[in-house]
Amino acid sequence: MPIAVASRKGISGLTAEAEEHRVVLTSHGRPVAVVDSAERLDEEIRLVRDASRIVVESAAEVALGRSPRLSLDEVCGKLGIDVGRVRERAAALRA
């Protein structure tokens, strides 16, 4: 959303829109800021922390020789990531 449009909406309008979805503010078409709901931000931070914990614990298990190799499906399952999306992105990077 261009900053000029956000300015016309005012803080109340921008806040109401951010409760529905993340709002990216732009200047001359370039993203410069993001307005998001506190609830959505807290949830995303929790997800990142949980994923980080899982990665660190898994790395520790491997370092201690206690863990077999995991398949992509198993890793994605532990992290709550859609394996199909990971494969699509990997294919796009190879193209």
N, C-alpha and C. Protein backbone atom coordinates (compact mmCIF):
# COMPACT_ATOMS: atom_id res chain seq x y z
N MET A 1 0.84 -1.16 0.00
CA MET A 1 0.00 0.00 0.00
C MET A 1 0.89 1.23 0.00
N PRO A 2 0.68 2.11 -0.92
CA PRO A 2 1.47 3.35 -0.92
C PRO A 2 1.28 4.13 0.38
N ILE A 3 2.33 4.77 0.83
CA ILE A 3 2.29 5.53 2.07
C ILE A 3 1.20 6.61 2.00
N ALA A 4 1.02 7.23 0.84
CA ALA A 4 -0.01 8.26 0.71
C ALA A 4 -1.40 7.70 0.98
N VAL A 5 -1.67 6.49 0.51
CA VAL A 5 -2.97 5.84 0.76
C VAL A 5 -3.11 5.53 2.25
N ALA A 6 -2.05 5.00 2.85
CA ALA A 6 -2.07 4.69 4.28
C ALA A 6 -2.31 5.96 5.09
N SER A 7 -1.72 7.04 4.67
CA SER A 7 -1.90 8.32 5.37
C SER A 7 -3.35 8.77 5.32
N ARG A 8 -3.99 8.61 4.17
CA ARG A 8 -5.41 8.97 4.04
C ARG A 8 -6.30 8.09 4.90
N LYS A 9 -5.93 6.82 5.04
CA LYS A 9 -6.72 5.90 5.87
C LYS A 9 -6.59 6.24 7.34
N GLY A 10 -5.45 6.80 7.71
CA GLY A 10 -5.20 7.14 9.11
C GLY A 10 -4.82 5.92 9.92
N ILE A 11 -4.43 6.19 11.15
CA ILE A 11 -3.99 5.10 12.04
C ILE A 11 -5.09 4.08 12.26
N SER A 12 -6.31 4.55 12.49
CA SER A 12 -7.43 3.63 12.76
C SER A 12 -7.69 2.72 11.56
N GLY A 13 -7.72 3.29 10.37
CA GLY A 13 -7.97 2.49 9.17
C GLY A 13 -6.85 1.51 8.90
N LEU A 14 -5.63 1.96 9.08
CA LEU A 14 -4.47 1.10 8.85
C LEU A 14 -4.43 -0.04 9.88
N THR A 15 -4.76 0.27 11.12
CA THR A 15 -4.80 -0.74 12.17
C THR A 15 -5.87 -1.79 11.88
N ALA A 16 -7.04 -1.34 11.46
CA ALA A 16 -8.12 -2.27 11.14
C ALA A 16 -7.72 -3.19 9.99
N GLU A 17 -7.06 -2.63 8.99
CA GLU A 17 -6.62 -3.46 7.87
C GLU A 17 -5.54 -4.45 8.30
N ALA A 18 -4.64 -4.02 9.18
CA ALA A 18 -3.55 -4.89 9.65
C ALA A 18 -4.09 -6.04 10.51
N GLU A 19 -5.24 -5.85 11.12
CA GLU A 19 -5.84 -6.95 11.88
C GLU A 19 -6.28 -8.07 10.95
N GLU A 20 -6.63 -7.72 9.72
CA GLU A 20 -7.08 -8.70 8.73
C GLU A 20 -5.91 -9.36 8.00
N HIS A 21 -4.90 -8.56 7.66
CA HIS A 21 -3.73 -9.08 6.93
C HIS A 21 -2.57 -8.12 7.07
N ARG A 22 -1.38 -8.63 6.86
CA ARG A 22 -0.16 -7.83 6.92
C ARG A 22 -0.22 -6.75 5.83
N VAL A 23 0.17 -5.54 6.19
CA VAL A 23 0.15 -4.42 5.25
C VAL A 23 1.59 -3.98 4.98
N VAL A 24 1.98 -4.02 3.73
CA VAL A 24 3.32 -3.57 3.34
C VAL A 24 3.18 -2.15 2.80
N LEU A 25 3.86 -1.21 3.44
CA LEU A 25 3.83 0.17 2.99
C LEU A 25 4.94 0.39 1.97
N THR A 26 4.60 1.09 0.91
CA THR A 26 5.57 1.31 -0.16
C THR A 26 5.79 2.79 -0.43
N SER A 27 6.96 3.08 -0.92
CA SER A 27 7.30 4.43 -1.36
C SER A 27 7.89 4.28 -2.76
N HIS A 28 7.24 4.88 -3.72
CA HIS A 28 7.66 4.77 -5.13
C HIS A 28 7.74 3.31 -5.56
N GLY A 29 6.78 2.50 -5.06
CA GLY A 29 6.70 1.09 -5.42
C GLY A 29 7.66 0.17 -4.68
N ARG A 30 8.46 0.73 -3.80
CA ARG A 30 9.46 -0.06 -3.07
C ARG A 30 8.99 -0.26 -1.63
N PRO A 31 8.97 -1.51 -1.12
CA PRO A 31 8.56 -1.74 0.27
C PRO A 31 9.48 -1.01 1.24
N VAL A 32 8.88 -0.30 2.20
CA VAL A 32 9.68 0.44 3.17
C VAL A 32 9.31 0.11 4.62
N ALA A 33 8.11 -0.43 4.85
CA ALA A 33 7.68 -0.75 6.21
C ALA A 33 6.55 -1.76 6.16
N VAL A 34 6.31 -2.40 7.30
CA VAL A 34 5.24 -3.38 7.41
C VAL A 34 4.43 -3.07 8.67
N VAL A 35 3.11 -3.15 8.53
CA VAL A 35 2.21 -3.01 9.68
C VAL A 35 1.51 -4.35 9.82
N ASP A 36 1.59 -4.95 11.01
CA ASP A 36 1.03 -6.27 11.22
C ASP A 36 0.36 -6.31 12.58
N SER A 37 -0.51 -7.30 12.78
CA SER A 37 -1.17 -7.44 14.07
C SER A 37 -0.20 -8.04 15.08
N ALA A 38 -0.34 -7.63 16.32
CA ALA A 38 0.52 -8.17 17.39
C ALA A 38 0.31 -9.67 17.54
N GLU A 39 -0.93 -10.10 17.40
CA GLU A 39 -1.25 -11.53 17.54
C GLU A 39 -0.53 -12.36 16.47
N ARG A 40 -0.59 -11.91 15.22
CA ARG A 40 0.06 -12.65 14.13
C ARG A 40 1.58 -12.63 14.32
N LEU A 41 2.12 -11.50 14.73
CA LEU A 41 3.56 -11.40 14.95
C LEU A 41 4.00 -12.34 16.07
N ASP A 42 3.25 -12.36 17.19
CA ASP A 42 3.58 -13.26 18.29
C ASP A 42 3.56 -14.72 17.84
N GLU A 43 2.56 -15.09 17.04
CA GLU A 43 2.45 -16.47 16.56
C GLU A 43 3.64 -16.83 15.66
N GLU A 44 4.04 -15.91 14.79
CA GLU A 44 5.17 -16.19 13.91
C GLU A 44 6.48 -16.29 14.70
N ILE A 45 6.63 -15.47 15.71
CA ILE A 45 7.83 -15.56 16.56
C ILE A 45 7.86 -16.90 17.28
N ARG A 46 6.69 -17.34 17.79
CA ARG A 46 6.61 -18.64 18.46
C ARG A 46 7.00 -19.76 17.50
N LEU A 47 6.50 -19.69 16.26
CA LEU A 47 6.83 -20.73 15.28
C LEU A 47 8.32 -20.76 14.97
N VAL A 48 8.94 -19.61 14.84
CA VAL A 48 10.38 -19.54 14.56
C VAL A 48 11.17 -20.11 15.74
N ARG A 49 10.77 -19.76 16.96
CA ARG A 49 11.45 -20.29 18.15
C ARG A 49 11.31 -21.80 18.23
N ASP A 50 10.10 -22.31 17.98
CA ASP A 50 9.89 -23.76 18.01
C ASP A 50 10.74 -24.46 16.97
N ALA A 51 10.77 -23.90 15.75
CA ALA A 51 11.57 -24.51 14.68
C ALA A 51 13.05 -24.46 15.03
N SER A 52 13.51 -23.35 15.58
CA SER A 52 14.92 -23.23 15.98
C SER A 52 15.28 -24.27 17.02
N ARG A 53 14.39 -24.46 17.99
CA ARG A 53 14.63 -25.45 19.04
C ARG A 53 14.75 -26.85 18.44
N ILE A 54 13.85 -27.17 17.52
CA ILE A 54 13.88 -28.49 16.88
C ILE A 54 15.17 -28.68 16.09
N VAL A 55 15.59 -27.66 15.37
CA VAL A 55 16.83 -27.76 14.58
C VAL A 55 18.03 -27.95 15.49
N VAL A 56 18.11 -27.17 16.57
CA VAL A 56 19.25 -27.28 17.49
C VAL A 56 19.26 -28.64 18.17
N GLU A 57 18.10 -29.11 18.63
CA GLU A 57 18.03 -30.42 19.27
C GLU A 57 18.43 -31.53 18.30
N SER A 58 17.97 -31.42 17.06
CA SER A 58 18.32 -32.43 16.06
C SER A 58 19.82 -32.41 15.75
N ALA A 59 20.39 -31.22 15.66
CA ALA A 59 21.83 -31.10 15.40
C ALA A 59 22.62 -31.70 16.55
N ALA A 60 22.16 -31.47 17.78
CA ALA A 60 22.84 -32.03 18.95
C ALA A 60 22.79 -33.55 18.92
N GLU A 61 21.66 -34.11 18.55
CA GLU A 61 21.52 -35.57 18.46
C GLU A 61 22.48 -36.14 17.42
N VAL A 62 22.57 -35.46 16.28
CA VAL A 62 23.49 -35.92 15.23
C VAL A 62 24.93 -35.83 15.72
N ALA A 63 25.29 -34.71 16.37
CA ALA A 63 26.65 -34.51 16.87
C ALA A 63 27.03 -35.57 17.90
N LEU A 64 26.06 -36.01 18.68
CA LEU A 64 26.31 -37.03 19.70
C LEU A 64 26.23 -38.45 19.14
N GLY A 65 25.94 -38.54 17.85
CA GLY A 65 25.85 -39.85 17.21
C GLY A 65 24.62 -40.64 17.61
N ARG A 66 23.58 -39.96 18.09
CA ARG A 66 22.38 -40.64 18.56
C ARG A 66 21.23 -40.61 17.57
N SER A 67 21.43 -39.98 16.44
CA SER A 67 20.30 -39.83 15.53
C SER A 67 20.66 -40.31 14.13
N PRO A 68 19.78 -41.12 13.56
CA PRO A 68 20.01 -41.52 12.17
C PRO A 68 19.69 -40.33 11.26
N ARG A 69 20.05 -40.45 10.04
CA ARG A 69 19.71 -39.39 9.08
C ARG A 69 18.20 -39.32 8.93
N LEU A 70 17.70 -38.13 8.77
CA LEU A 70 16.26 -37.93 8.60
C LEU A 70 15.95 -37.64 7.14
N SER A 71 14.82 -38.11 6.69
CA SER A 71 14.39 -37.80 5.33
C SER A 71 13.80 -36.38 5.30
N LEU A 72 13.65 -35.84 4.11
CA LEU A 72 13.04 -34.53 3.96
C LEU A 72 11.63 -34.52 4.54
N ASP A 73 10.89 -35.60 4.31
CA ASP A 73 9.54 -35.71 4.87
C ASP A 73 9.56 -35.63 6.39
N GLU A 74 10.53 -36.31 7.02
CA GLU A 74 10.61 -36.30 8.49
C GLU A 74 10.99 -34.92 9.02
N VAL A 75 11.94 -34.27 8.37
CA VAL A 75 12.35 -32.93 8.79
C VAL A 75 11.19 -31.96 8.66
N CYS A 76 10.52 -31.99 7.51
CA CYS A 76 9.38 -31.09 7.30
C CYS A 76 8.28 -31.38 8.30
N GLY A 77 8.06 -32.64 8.60
CA GLY A 77 7.05 -33.01 9.59
C GLY A 77 7.36 -32.45 10.96
N LYS A 78 8.63 -32.54 11.39
CA LYS A 78 9.03 -32.01 12.69
C LYS A 78 8.88 -30.50 12.75
N LEU A 79 9.14 -29.83 11.63
CA LEU A 79 9.09 -28.37 11.60
C LEU A 79 7.72 -27.82 11.22
N GLY A 80 6.80 -28.72 10.84
CA GLY A 80 5.47 -28.26 10.44
C GLY A 80 5.48 -27.52 9.12
N ILE A 81 6.35 -27.95 8.22
CA ILE A 81 6.49 -27.31 6.91
C ILE A 81 5.90 -28.23 5.85
N ASP A 82 5.25 -27.66 4.87
CA ASP A 82 4.65 -28.41 3.77
C ASP A 82 5.77 -28.93 2.86
N VAL A 83 5.98 -30.24 2.84
CA VAL A 83 7.06 -30.84 2.06
C VAL A 83 6.86 -30.58 0.57
N GLY A 84 5.62 -30.56 0.11
CA GLY A 84 5.36 -30.27 -1.30
C GLY A 84 5.85 -28.90 -1.70
N ARG A 85 5.63 -27.93 -0.82
CA ARG A 85 6.09 -26.56 -1.11
C ARG A 85 7.62 -26.50 -1.14
N VAL A 86 8.28 -27.22 -0.24
CA VAL A 86 9.74 -27.26 -0.23
C VAL A 86 10.26 -27.84 -1.54
N ARG A 87 9.62 -28.92 -1.99
CA ARG A 87 10.05 -29.54 -3.25
C ARG A 87 9.82 -28.60 -4.45
N GLU A 88 8.70 -27.89 -4.44
CA GLU A 88 8.43 -26.93 -5.52
C GLU A 88 9.47 -25.84 -5.56
N ARG A 89 9.82 -25.31 -4.38
CA ARG A 89 10.83 -24.24 -4.33
C ARG A 89 12.20 -24.75 -4.76
N ALA A 90 12.53 -25.98 -4.37
CA ALA A 90 13.82 -26.57 -4.77
C ALA A 90 13.86 -26.76 -6.28
N ALA A 91 12.75 -27.21 -6.85
CA ALA A 91 12.70 -27.39 -8.31
C ALA A 91 12.83 -26.05 -9.02
N ALA A 92 12.21 -25.02 -8.47
CA ALA A 92 12.29 -23.70 -9.09
C ALA A 92 13.72 -23.17 -9.03
N LEU A 93 14.44 -23.46 -7.96
CA LEU A 93 15.84 -23.01 -7.84
C LEU A 93 16.73 -23.72 -8.83
N ARG A 94 16.41 -24.98 -9.14
CA ARG A 94 17.22 -25.75 -10.10
C ARG A 94 16.97 -25.33 -11.53
N ALA A 95 15.79 -24.75 -11.78
CA ALA A 95 15.42 -24.38 -13.17
C ALA A 95 16.17 -23.18 -13.67
